[in-house]
C-alpha atoms as a PDB file:
ATOM      1  CA  TYR A   1      10.076  32.435 199.853  1.00  0.00           C
ATOM      2  CA  ALA A   2       9.422  29.565 201.681  1.00  0.00           C
ATOM      3  CA  LYS A   3      13.219  28.303 200.892  1.00  0.00           C
ATOM      4  CA  ASP A   4      14.618  31.726 202.382  1.00  0.00           C
ATOM      5  CA  VAL A   5      12.638  31.237 205.325  1.00  0.00           C
ATOM      6  CA  ALA A   6      13.704  28.066 206.229  1.00  0.00           C
ATOM      7  CA  ARG A   7      17.520  29.020 205.359  1.00  0.00           C
ATOM      8  CA  GLY A   8      17.426  31.507 208.271  1.00  0.00           C
ATOM      9  CA  ILE A   9      15.910  29.483 210.649  1.00  0.00           C
ATOM     10  CA  MET A  10      18.106  26.801 210.174  1.00  0.00           C
ATOM     11  CA  LEU A  11      21.078  29.875 210.084  1.00  0.00           C
ATOM     12  CA  CYS A  12      19.674  31.404 213.242  1.00  0.00           C
ATOM     13  CA  ILE A  13      19.523  27.417 215.182  1.00  0.00           C
ATOM     14  CA  GLU A  14      23.272  27.296 214.158  1.00  0.00           C
ATOM     15  CA  LYS A  15      24.481  30.408 214.873  1.00  0.00           C
ATOM     16  CA  GLU A  16      24.836  31.376 218.516  1.00  0.00           C
ATOM     17  CA  GLU A  17      25.576  34.737 217.752  1.00  0.00           C
ATOM     18  CA  ALA A  18      21.523  34.611 216.955  1.00  0.00           C
ATOM     19  CA  ASP A  19      20.760  33.536 220.442  1.00  0.00           C
ATOM     20  CA  ASN A  20      18.025  35.729 221.465  1.00  0.00           C
ATOM     21  CA  LYS A  21      17.448  38.158 218.951  1.00  0.00           C
ATOM     22  CA  THR A  22      14.834  38.617 215.896  1.00  0.00           C
ATOM     23  CA  TYR A  23      15.499  38.578 212.425  1.00  0.00           C
ATOM     24  CA  ILE A  24      12.780  40.073 209.735  1.00  0.00           C
ATOM     25  CA  LEU A  25      12.895  38.014 206.873  1.00  0.00           C
ATOM     26  CA  SER A  26      12.445  40.405 203.989  1.00  0.00           C
ATOM     27  CA  ALA A  27      14.128  40.496 200.733  1.00  0.00           C
ATOM     28  CA  PRO A  28      15.320  43.929 199.573  1.00  0.00           C
ATOM     29  CA  GLU A  29      13.295  44.207 196.472  1.00  0.00           C
ATOM     30  CA  VAL A  30      10.347  46.711 196.535  1.00  0.00           C
ATOM     31  CA  PHE A  31       7.697  46.607 194.083  1.00  0.00           C
ATOM     32  CA  ASN A  32       4.365  47.825 193.207  1.00  0.00           C
ATOM     33  CA  TYR A  33       1.282  45.925 191.553  1.00  0.00           C
ATOM     34  CA  ASP A  34       2.556  46.863 187.741  1.00  0.00           C
ATOM     35  CA  SER A  35       6.109  45.512 188.692  1.00  0.00           C
ATOM     36  CA  TYR A  36       4.273  42.516 190.416  1.00  0.00           C
ATOM     37  CA  VAL A  37       2.090  41.765 187.450  1.00  0.00           C
ATOM     38  CA  ASP A  38       5.383  41.803 185.216  1.00  0.00           C
ATOM     39  CA  LEU A  39       7.352  39.837 187.299  1.00  0.00           C
ATOM     40  CA  LEU A  40       4.370  36.774 187.036  1.00  0.00           C
ATOM     41  CA  ARG A  41       4.327  37.267 183.462  1.00  0.00           C
ATOM     42  CA  SER A  42       8.167  36.550 182.966  1.00  0.00           C
ATOM     43  CA  VAL A  43       8.065  33.738 185.032  1.00  0.00           C
ATOM     44  CA  SER A  44       4.775  32.132 183.844  1.00  0.00           C
ATOM     45  CA  ASP A  45       4.176  30.412 180.603  1.00  0.00           C
ATOM     46  CA  ARG A  46       0.847  31.449 180.433  1.00  0.00           C
ATOM     47  CA  ASP A  47      -1.003  34.840 178.797  1.00  0.00           C
ATOM     48  CA  PHE A  48      -2.995  36.551 180.935  1.00  0.00           C
ATOM     49  CA  LYS A  49      -5.173  39.781 181.145  1.00  0.00           C
ATOM     50  CA  THR A  50      -5.555  42.574 183.841  1.00  0.00           C
ATOM     51  CA  THR A  51      -7.794  45.145 184.136  1.00  0.00           C
ATOM     52  CA  PRO A  52      -6.446  48.452 185.809  1.00  0.00           C
ATOM     53  CA  VAL A  53      -8.635  49.836 188.536  1.00  0.00           C
ATOM     54  CA  THR A  54      -8.038  53.048 190.534  1.00  0.00           C
ATOM     55  CA  VAL A  55      -7.376  52.573 194.304  1.00  0.00           C
ATOM     56  CA  GLU A  56     -10.498  54.419 194.688  1.00  0.00           C
ATOM     57  CA  ASP A  57     -12.172  51.788 193.197  1.00  0.00           C
ATOM     58  CA  VAL A  58     -10.757  48.980 194.794  1.00  0.00           C
ATOM     59  CA  LEU A  59     -11.423  50.559 198.214  1.00  0.00           C
ATOM     60  CA  LYS A  60     -15.119  51.531 197.269  1.00  0.00           C
ATOM     61  CA  ASN A  61     -15.861  47.812 196.047  1.00  0.00           C
ATOM     62  CA  ASN A  62     -13.801  45.896 198.748  1.00  0.00           C
ATOM     63  CA  ILE A  63     -11.617  44.242 196.001  1.00  0.00           C
ATOM     64  CA  PRO A  64      -9.467  41.831 198.222  1.00  0.00           C
ATOM     65  CA  LEU A  65      -5.925  42.597 197.166  1.00  0.00           C
ATOM     66  CA  PRO A  66      -2.692  41.003 198.484  1.00  0.00           C
ATOM     67  CA  PHE A  67      -0.896  44.463 199.148  1.00  0.00           C
ATOM     68  CA  PRO A  68      -1.337  47.543 200.613  1.00  0.00           C
ATOM     69  CA  LEU A  69      -2.675  50.444 198.429  1.00  0.00           C
ATOM     70  CA  THR A  70      -2.486  53.335 200.696  1.00  0.00           C
ATOM     71  CA  PRO A  71       0.248  55.195 202.575  1.00  0.00           C
ATOM     72  CA  GLU A  72      -1.483  54.489 205.871  1.00  0.00           C
ATOM     73  CA  GLU A  73      -1.431  50.785 205.108  1.00  0.00           C
ATOM     74  CA  ASN A  74       2.209  50.210 204.035  1.00  0.00           C
ATOM     75  CA  ALA A  75       5.509  49.595 205.902  1.00  0.00           C
ATOM     76  CA  LEU A  76       8.667  48.469 204.319  1.00  0.00           C
ATOM     77  CA  PHE A  77      10.570  45.918 206.363  1.00  0.00           C
ATOM     78  CA  ASN A  78      14.295  45.756 206.456  1.00  0.00           C
ATOM     79  CA  GLY A  79      16.040  42.539 206.019  1.00  0.00           C
ATOM     80  CA  GLN A  80      19.318  43.458 206.261  1.00  0.00           C
ATOM     81  CA  LYS A  81      20.241  42.643 209.950  1.00  0.00           C
ATOM     82  CA  ILE A  82      20.339  38.836 209.258  1.00  0.00           C
ATOM     83  CA  VAL A  83      22.677  39.746 206.025  1.00  0.00           C
ATOM     84  CA  ASN A  84      24.932  41.906 208.394  1.00  0.00           C
ATOM     85  CA  GLU A  85      24.943  39.679 211.289  1.00  0.00           C
ATOM     86  CA  LEU A  86      24.980  36.302 210.222  1.00  0.00           C
ATOM     87  CA  GLY A  87      25.520  36.297 206.516  1.00  0.00           C
ATOM     88  CA  PHE A  88      22.496  35.749 205.278  1.00  0.00           C
ATOM     89  CA  GLU A  89      21.707  35.590 201.455  1.00  0.00           C
ATOM     90  CA  TYR A  90      18.626  36.044 199.940  1.00  0.00           C
ATOM     91  CA  GLY A  91      17.773  34.229 196.954  1.00  0.00           C
ATOM     92  CA  ASP A  92      16.887  35.952 193.541  1.00  0.00           C
ATOM     93  CA  LEU A  93      13.315  37.029 193.506  1.00  0.00           C
ATOM     94  CA  LYS A  94      12.593  35.865 190.013  1.00  0.00           C
ATOM     95  CA  THR A  95      14.251  32.243 190.099  1.00  0.00           C
ATOM     96  CA  SER A  96      12.282  31.877 193.430  1.00  0.00           C
ATOM     97  CA  MET A  97       9.009  33.225 191.727  1.00  0.00           C
ATOM     98  CA  GLN A  98      10.005  30.703 188.792  1.00  0.00           C
ATOM     99  CA  MET A  99       9.940  27.687 190.985  1.00  0.00           C
ATOM    100  CA  THR A 100       6.921  28.357 192.783  1.00  0.00           C
ATOM    101  CA  TYR A 101       5.369  28.887 189.693  1.00  0.00           C
ATOM    102  CA  ASN A 102       6.663  25.569 188.654  1.00  0.00           C
ATOM    103  CA  ALA A 103       5.898  23.928 191.788  1.00  0.00           C
ATOM    104  CA  PHE A 104       1.829  25.008 191.778  1.00  0.00           C
ATOM    105  CA  LYS A 105       1.256  25.217 188.377  1.00  0.00           C
ATOM    106  CA  THR A 106       1.478  21.355 188.418  1.00  0.00           C
ATOM    107  CA  VAL A 107      -0.265  20.748 191.608  1.00  0.00           C
ATOM    108  CA  PHE A 108      -3.223  22.974 189.818  1.00  0.00           C
ATOM    109  CA  GLU A 109      -3.379  21.238 186.384  1.00  0.00           C
END
């Protein structure tokens, strides 16, 4: 979420203990395509249909998707270091998605 990134950057600028360190900003939620679609449904005021496809279909037909499908492509990132060292708090995922949806809805309507 862009606001999490902005707050993380500001925190690193403000805290001397962040000097010469790197932090991964990756909220702790782990989700798959089904839970991602559920999240989108929960924040959207529109009905939409989905079409289930297998990983094989996606690979065979070169269907572009935003997240990895295979274990070889997948890596989980741990964003806990900034929490432990600087006291950073990630925003609530559903609230962040709702705000993002509301902001972009007005742009595309």
